[in-house]
Amino acid sequence: MPKLKTKSGAKKRFKITGTGKIKKKSAFKNHILTKKETKQKRRLGKKNLVSKSDMNNVKAMLIL
């Protein structure tokens, strides 16, 4: 049986930490930034961890 391929979109969007958690970029930071406050934009620029409820779906896309 051949190896399973990782989803191309997932490998571009997620990184795995040393402890096995998954990092992601925040949403809502791409366009229409004029109406958002500076504090909000600064907070959205940081990386976040994937929530526990989404962890299994992301791991399946990354074939872990």
PDB file of N, CA and C in Angstrom:
ATOM      1  N   MET A   1       0.846  -1.180   0.000  1.00  0.00           N
ATOM      2  CA  MET A   1       0.000   0.000   0.000  1.00  0.00           C
ATOM      3  C   MET A   1       0.891   1.243   0.000  1.00  0.00           C
ATOM      4  N   PRO A   2       0.592   2.243  -0.856  1.00  0.00           N
ATOM      5  CA  PRO A   2       1.446   3.432  -0.920  1.00  0.00           C
ATOM      6  C   PRO A   2       1.264   4.329   0.307  1.00  0.00           C
ATOM      7  N   LYS A   3       2.222   5.197   0.501  1.00  0.00           N
ATOM      8  CA  LYS A   3       2.138   6.147   1.601  1.00  0.00           C
ATOM      9  C   LYS A   3       1.025   7.154   1.337  1.00  0.00           C
ATOM     10  N   LEU A   4       0.407   7.653   2.404  1.00  0.00           N
ATOM     11  CA  LEU A   4      -0.630   8.669   2.269  1.00  0.00           C
ATOM     12  C   LEU A   4       0.019  10.035   2.124  1.00  0.00           C
ATOM     13  N   LYS A   5      -0.568  10.861   1.295  1.00  0.00           N
ATOM     14  CA  LYS A   5      -0.027  12.203   1.089  1.00  0.00           C
ATOM     15  C   LYS A   5      -0.643  13.177   2.088  1.00  0.00           C
ATOM     16  N   THR A   6       0.179  14.132   2.528  1.00  0.00           N
ATOM     17  CA  THR A   6      -0.283  15.225   3.376  1.00  0.00           C
ATOM     18  C   THR A   6      -1.052  16.207   2.510  1.00  0.00           C
ATOM     19  N   LYS A   7      -2.124  16.807   3.057  1.00  0.00           N
ATOM     20  CA  LYS A   7      -2.880  17.828   2.327  1.00  0.00           C
ATOM     21  C   LYS A   7      -1.990  19.050   2.125  1.00  0.00           C
ATOM     22  N   SER A   8      -1.873  19.510   0.889  1.00  0.00           N
ATOM     23  CA  SER A   8      -0.960  20.605   0.556  1.00  0.00           C
ATOM     24  C   SER A   8      -1.311  21.900   1.289  1.00  0.00           C
ATOM     25  N   GLY A   9      -2.601  22.198   1.398  1.00  0.00           N
ATOM     26  CA  GLY A   9      -3.013  23.418   2.097  1.00  0.00           C
ATOM     27  C   GLY A   9      -2.671  23.372   3.568  1.00  0.00           C
ATOM     28  N   ALA A  10      -2.780  22.183   4.171  1.00  0.00           N
ATOM     29  CA  ALA A  10      -2.513  22.047   5.602  1.00  0.00           C
ATOM     30  C   ALA A  10      -1.028  22.209   5.908  1.00  0.00           C
ATOM     31  N   LYS A  11      -0.171  21.677   5.072  1.00  0.00           N
ATOM     32  CA  LYS A  11       1.263  21.785   5.370  1.00  0.00           C
ATOM     33  C   LYS A  11       1.769  23.217   5.230  1.00  0.00           C
ATOM     34  N   LYS A  12       1.040  24.058   4.459  1.00  0.00           N
ATOM     35  CA  LYS A  12       1.414  25.463   4.343  1.00  0.00           C
ATOM     36  C   LYS A  12       0.903  26.289   5.525  1.00  0.00           C
ATOM     37  N   ARG A  13      -0.161  25.833   6.188  1.00  0.00           N
ATOM     38  CA  ARG A  13      -0.827  26.636   7.207  1.00  0.00           C
ATOM     39  C   ARG A  13      -0.514  26.256   8.644  1.00  0.00           C
ATOM     40  N   PHE A  14      -0.016  25.067   8.890  1.00  0.00           N
ATOM     41  CA  PHE A  14       0.198  24.593  10.250  1.00  0.00           C
ATOM     42  C   PHE A  14       1.631  24.152  10.479  1.00  0.00           C
ATOM     43  N   LYS A  15       2.123  24.353  11.724  1.00  0.00           N
ATOM     44  CA  LYS A  15       3.437  23.870  12.144  1.00  0.00           C
ATOM     45  C   LYS A  15       3.260  23.121  13.445  1.00  0.00           C
ATOM     46  N   ILE A  16       4.060  22.096  13.664  1.00  0.00           N
ATOM     47  CA  ILE A  16       3.963  21.289  14.877  1.00  0.00           C
ATOM     48  C   ILE A  16       5.067  21.716  15.835  1.00  0.00           C
ATOM     49  N   THR A  17       4.704  21.953  17.098  1.00  0.00           N
ATOM     50  CA  THR A  17       5.685  22.336  18.103  1.00  0.00           C
ATOM     51  C   THR A  17       6.409  21.088  18.609  1.00  0.00           C
ATOM     52  N   GLY A  18       7.416  21.292  19.418  1.00  0.00           N
ATOM     53  CA  GLY A  18       8.179  20.177  19.962  1.00  0.00           C
ATOM     54  C   GLY A  18       7.372  19.297  20.892  1.00  0.00           C
ATOM     55  N   THR A  19       6.361  19.871  21.526  1.00  0.00           N
ATOM     56  CA  THR A  19       5.530  19.099  22.452  1.00  0.00           C
ATOM     57  C   THR A  19       4.339  18.442  21.763  1.00  0.00           C
ATOM     58  N   GLY A  20       4.205  18.633  20.443  1.00  0.00           N
ATOM     59  CA  GLY A  20       3.130  17.984  19.702  1.00  0.00           C
ATOM     60  C   GLY A  20       1.905  18.847  19.479  1.00  0.00           C
ATOM     61  N   LYS A  21       1.933  20.090  19.943  1.00  0.00           N
ATOM     62  CA  LYS A  21       0.807  20.988  19.688  1.00  0.00           C
ATOM     63  C   LYS A  21       0.949  21.555  18.277  1.00  0.00           C
ATOM     64  N   ILE A  22      -0.128  22.133  17.769  1.00  0.00           N
ATOM     65  CA  ILE A  22      -0.121  22.643  16.401  1.00  0.00           C
ATOM     66  C   ILE A  22      -0.344  24.145  16.415  1.00  0.00           C
ATOM     67  N   LYS A  23       0.564  24.880  15.745  1.00  0.00           N
ATOM     68  CA  LYS A  23       0.467  26.328  15.655  1.00  0.00           C
ATOM     69  C   LYS A  23      -0.220  26.717  14.361  1.00  0.00           C
ATOM     70  N   LYS A  24      -0.928  27.875  14.395  1.00  0.00           N
ATOM     71  CA  LYS A  24      -1.597  28.387  13.210  1.00  0.00           C
ATOM     72  C   LYS A  24      -1.543  29.907  13.221  1.00  0.00           C
ATOM     73  N   LYS A  25      -1.775  30.505  12.069  1.00  0.00           N
ATOM     74  CA  LYS A  25      -1.850  31.955  11.955  1.00  0.00           C
ATOM     75  C   LYS A  25      -3.278  32.393  12.247  1.00  0.00           C
ATOM     76  N   SER A  26      -3.437  33.572  12.847  1.00  0.00           N
ATOM     77  CA  SER A  26      -4.766  34.090  13.144  1.00  0.00           C
ATOM     78  C   SER A  26      -5.487  34.510  11.873  1.00  0.00           C
ATOM     79  N   ALA A  27      -6.816  34.387  11.883  1.00  0.00           N
ATOM     80  CA  ALA A  27      -7.643  34.849  10.772  1.00  0.00           C
ATOM     81  C   ALA A  27      -7.921  36.342  10.929  1.00  0.00           C
ATOM     82  N   PHE A  28      -8.529  36.946   9.930  1.00  0.00           N
ATOM     83  CA  PHE A  28      -8.972  38.350   9.929  1.00  0.00           C
ATOM     84  C   PHE A  28      -7.820  39.349   9.937  1.00  0.00           C
ATOM     85  N   LYS A  29      -6.680  39.041   9.348  1.00  0.00           N
ATOM     86  CA  LYS A  29      -5.541  39.963   9.343  1.00  0.00           C
ATOM     87  C   LYS A  29      -5.079  40.242   7.908  1.00  0.00           C
ATOM     88  N   ASN A  30      -5.913  39.940   6.903  1.00  0.00           N
ATOM     89  CA  ASN A  30      -5.469  40.080   5.522  1.00  0.00           C
ATOM     90  C   ASN A  30      -5.900  41.383   4.852  1.00  0.00           C
ATOM     91  N   HIS A  31      -7.149  41.757   4.955  1.00  0.00           N
ATOM     92  CA  HIS A  31      -7.607  42.972   4.280  1.00  0.00           C
ATOM     93  C   HIS A  31      -8.711  43.616   5.104  1.00  0.00           C
ATOM     94  N   ILE A  32      -9.141  44.792   4.659  1.00  0.00           N
ATOM     95  CA  ILE A  32     -10.081  45.637   5.398  1.00  0.00           C
ATOM     96  C   ILE A  32      -9.534  45.892   6.811  1.00  0.00           C
ATOM     97  N   LEU A  33      -8.299  46.366   6.854  1.00  0.00           N
ATOM     98  CA  LEU A  33      -7.645  46.596   8.138  1.00  0.00           C
ATOM     99  C   LEU A  33      -7.867  48.016   8.660  1.00  0.00           C
ATOM    100  N   THR A  34      -8.440  48.889   7.836  1.00  0.00           N
ATOM    101  CA  THR A  34      -8.596  50.284   8.259  1.00  0.00           C
ATOM    102  C   THR A  34      -9.604  50.425   9.388  1.00  0.00           C
ATOM    103  N   LYS A  35     -10.617  49.565   9.425  1.00  0.00           N
ATOM    104  CA  LYS A  35     -11.631  49.680  10.475  1.00  0.00           C
ATOM    105  C   LYS A  35     -11.272  48.928  11.746  1.00  0.00           C
ATOM    106  N   LYS A  36     -10.163  48.205  11.740  1.00  0.00           N
ATOM    107  CA  LYS A  36      -9.757  47.453  12.925  1.00  0.00           C
ATOM    108  C   LYS A  36      -8.764  48.266  13.743  1.00  0.00           C
ATOM    109  N   GLU A  37      -8.862  48.163  15.055  1.00  0.00           N
ATOM    110  CA  GLU A  37      -7.979  48.922  15.930  1.00  0.00           C
ATOM    111  C   GLU A  37      -6.566  48.366  15.898  1.00  0.00           C
ATOM    112  N   THR A  38      -5.609  49.215  16.218  1.00  0.00           N
ATOM    113  CA  THR A  38      -4.201  48.822  16.215  1.00  0.00           C
ATOM    114  C   THR A  38      -3.955  47.666  17.167  1.00  0.00           C
ATOM    115  N   LYS A  39      -4.596  47.714  18.325  1.00  0.00           N
ATOM    116  CA  LYS A  39      -4.437  46.654  19.319  1.00  0.00           C
ATOM    117  C   LYS A  39      -4.919  45.311  18.776  1.00  0.00           C
ATOM    118  N   GLN A  40      -6.036  45.338  18.065  1.00  0.00           N
ATOM    119  CA  GLN A  40      -6.586  44.106  17.486  1.00  0.00           C
ATOM    120  C   GLN A  40      -5.655  43.552  16.410  1.00  0.00           C
ATOM    121  N   LYS A  41      -5.132  44.435  15.551  1.00  0.00           N
ATOM    122  CA  LYS A  41      -4.229  43.994  14.478  1.00  0.00           C
ATOM    123  C   LYS A  41      -2.935  43.417  15.048  1.00  0.00           C
ATOM    124  N   ARG A  42      -2.446  44.026  16.111  1.00  0.00           N
ATOM    125  CA  ARG A  42      -1.224  43.528  16.748  1.00  0.00           C
ATOM    126  C   ARG A  42      -1.462  42.147  17.346  1.00  0.00           C
ATOM    127  N   ARG A  43      -2.611  41.958  17.975  1.00  0.00           N
ATOM    128  CA  ARG A  43      -2.950  40.664  18.567  1.00  0.00           C
ATOM    129  C   ARG A  43      -3.141  39.591  17.486  1.00  0.00           C
ATOM    130  N   LEU A  44      -3.745  39.966  16.356  1.00  0.00           N
ATOM    131  CA  LEU A  44      -3.991  39.005  15.286  1.00  0.00           C
ATOM    132  C   LEU A  44      -2.714  38.615  14.540  1.00  0.00           C
ATOM    133  N   GLY A  45      -1.662  39.409  14.675  1.00  0.00           N
ATOM    134  CA  GLY A  45      -0.414  39.097  13.994  1.00  0.00           C
ATOM    135  C   GLY A  45       0.341  37.941  14.618  1.00  0.00           C
ATOM    136  N   LYS A  46      -0.015  37.576  15.839  1.00  0.00           N
ATOM    137  CA  LYS A  46       0.700  36.513  16.541  1.00  0.00           C
ATOM    138  C   LYS A  46       0.159  35.147  16.180  1.00  0.00           C
ATOM    139  N   LYS A  47       0.982  34.127  16.378  1.00  0.00           N
ATOM    140  CA  LYS A  47       0.569  32.750  16.126  1.00  0.00           C
ATOM    141  C   LYS A  47      -0.291  32.255  17.282  1.00  0.00           C
ATOM    142  N   ASN A  48      -1.226  31.367  16.994  1.00  0.00           N
ATOM    143  CA  ASN A  48      -2.086  30.762  18.004  1.00  0.00           C
ATOM    144  C   ASN A  48      -1.951  29.255  17.935  1.00  0.00           C
ATOM    145  N   LEU A  49      -2.453  28.578  18.939  1.00  0.00           N
ATOM    146  CA  LEU A  49      -2.515  27.126  18.919  1.00  0.00           C
ATOM    147  C   LEU A  49      -3.890  26.687  18.444  1.00  0.00           C
ATOM    148  N   VAL A  50      -3.922  25.577  17.751  1.00  0.00           N
ATOM    149  CA  VAL A  50      -5.190  25.002  17.295  1.00  0.00           C
ATOM    150  C   VAL A  50      -5.942  24.490  18.516  1.00  0.00           C
ATOM    151  N   SER A  51      -7.259  24.708  18.557  1.00  0.00           N
ATOM    152  CA  SER A  51      -8.056  24.272  19.701  1.00  0.00           C
ATOM    153  C   SER A  51      -8.141  22.749  19.751  1.00  0.00           C
ATOM    154  N   LYS A  52      -8.441  22.236  20.942  1.00  0.00           N
ATOM    155  CA  LYS A  52      -8.502  20.783  21.129  1.00  0.00           C
ATOM    156  C   LYS A  52      -9.573  20.145  20.269  1.00  0.00           C
ATOM    157  N   SER A  53     -10.677  20.863  20.035  1.00  0.00           N
ATOM    158  CA  SER A  53     -11.763  20.299  19.241  1.00  0.00           C
ATOM    159  C   SER A  53     -11.385  20.155  17.763  1.00  0.00           C
ATOM    160  N   ASP A  54     -10.454  20.981  17.282  1.00  0.00           N
ATOM    161  CA  ASP A  54     -10.015  20.901  15.888  1.00  0.00           C
ATOM    162  C   ASP A  54      -8.761  20.057  15.705  1.00  0.00           C
ATOM    163  N   MET A  55      -8.143  19.648  16.795  1.00  0.00           N
ATOM    164  CA  MET A  55      -6.853  18.965  16.741  1.00  0.00           C
ATOM    165  C   MET A  55      -6.898  17.682  15.900  1.00  0.00           C
ATOM    166  N   ASN A  56      -7.933  16.860  16.077  1.00  0.00           N
ATOM    167  CA  ASN A  56      -8.004  15.602  15.335  1.00  0.00           C
ATOM    168  C   ASN A  56      -8.142  15.827  13.839  1.00  0.00           C
ATOM    169  N   ASN A  57      -8.928  16.843  13.435  1.00  0.00           N
ATOM    170  CA  ASN A  57      -9.081  17.136  12.014  1.00  0.00           C
ATOM    171  C   ASN A  57      -7.778  17.596  11.382  1.00  0.00           C
ATOM    172  N   VAL A  58      -7.051  18.450  12.078  1.00  0.00           N
ATOM    173  CA  VAL A  58      -5.785  18.952  11.551  1.00  0.00           C
ATOM    174  C   VAL A  58      -4.752  17.844  11.480  1.00  0.00           C
ATOM    175  N   LYS A  59      -4.696  17.008  12.500  1.00  0.00           N
ATOM    176  CA  LYS A  59      -3.760  15.887  12.487  1.00  0.00           C
ATOM    177  C   LYS A  59      -4.051  14.930  11.341  1.00  0.00           C
ATOM    178  N   ALA A  60      -5.325  14.740  11.023  1.00  0.00           N
ATOM    179  CA  ALA A  60      -5.697  13.874   9.908  1.00  0.00           C
ATOM    180  C   ALA A  60      -5.225  14.477   8.582  1.00  0.00           C
ATOM    181  N   MET A  61      -5.302  15.788   8.459  1.00  0.00           N
ATOM    182  CA  MET A  61      -4.837  16.453   7.226  1.00  0.00           C
ATOM    183  C   MET A  61      -3.329  16.375   7.098  1.00  0.00           C
ATOM    184  N   LEU A  62      -2.640  16.413   8.247  1.00  0.00           N
ATOM    185  CA  LEU A  62      -1.170  16.355   8.240  1.00  0.00           C
ATOM    186  C   LEU A  62      -0.664  14.926   8.285  1.00  0.00           C
ATOM    187  N   ILE A  63      -1.545  13.962   8.382  1.00  0.00           N
ATOM    188  CA  ILE A  63      -1.208  12.532   8.457  1.00  0.00           C
ATOM    189  C   ILE A  63      -0.198  12.286   9.587  1.00  0.00           C
ATOM    190  N   LEU A  64      -0.632  12.568  10.823  1.00  0.00           N
ATOM    191  CA  LEU A  64       0.238  12.332  11.996  1.00  0.00           C
ATOM    192  C   LEU A  64      -0.194  11.081  12.715  1.00  0.00           C
TER     193      LEU A  64
END
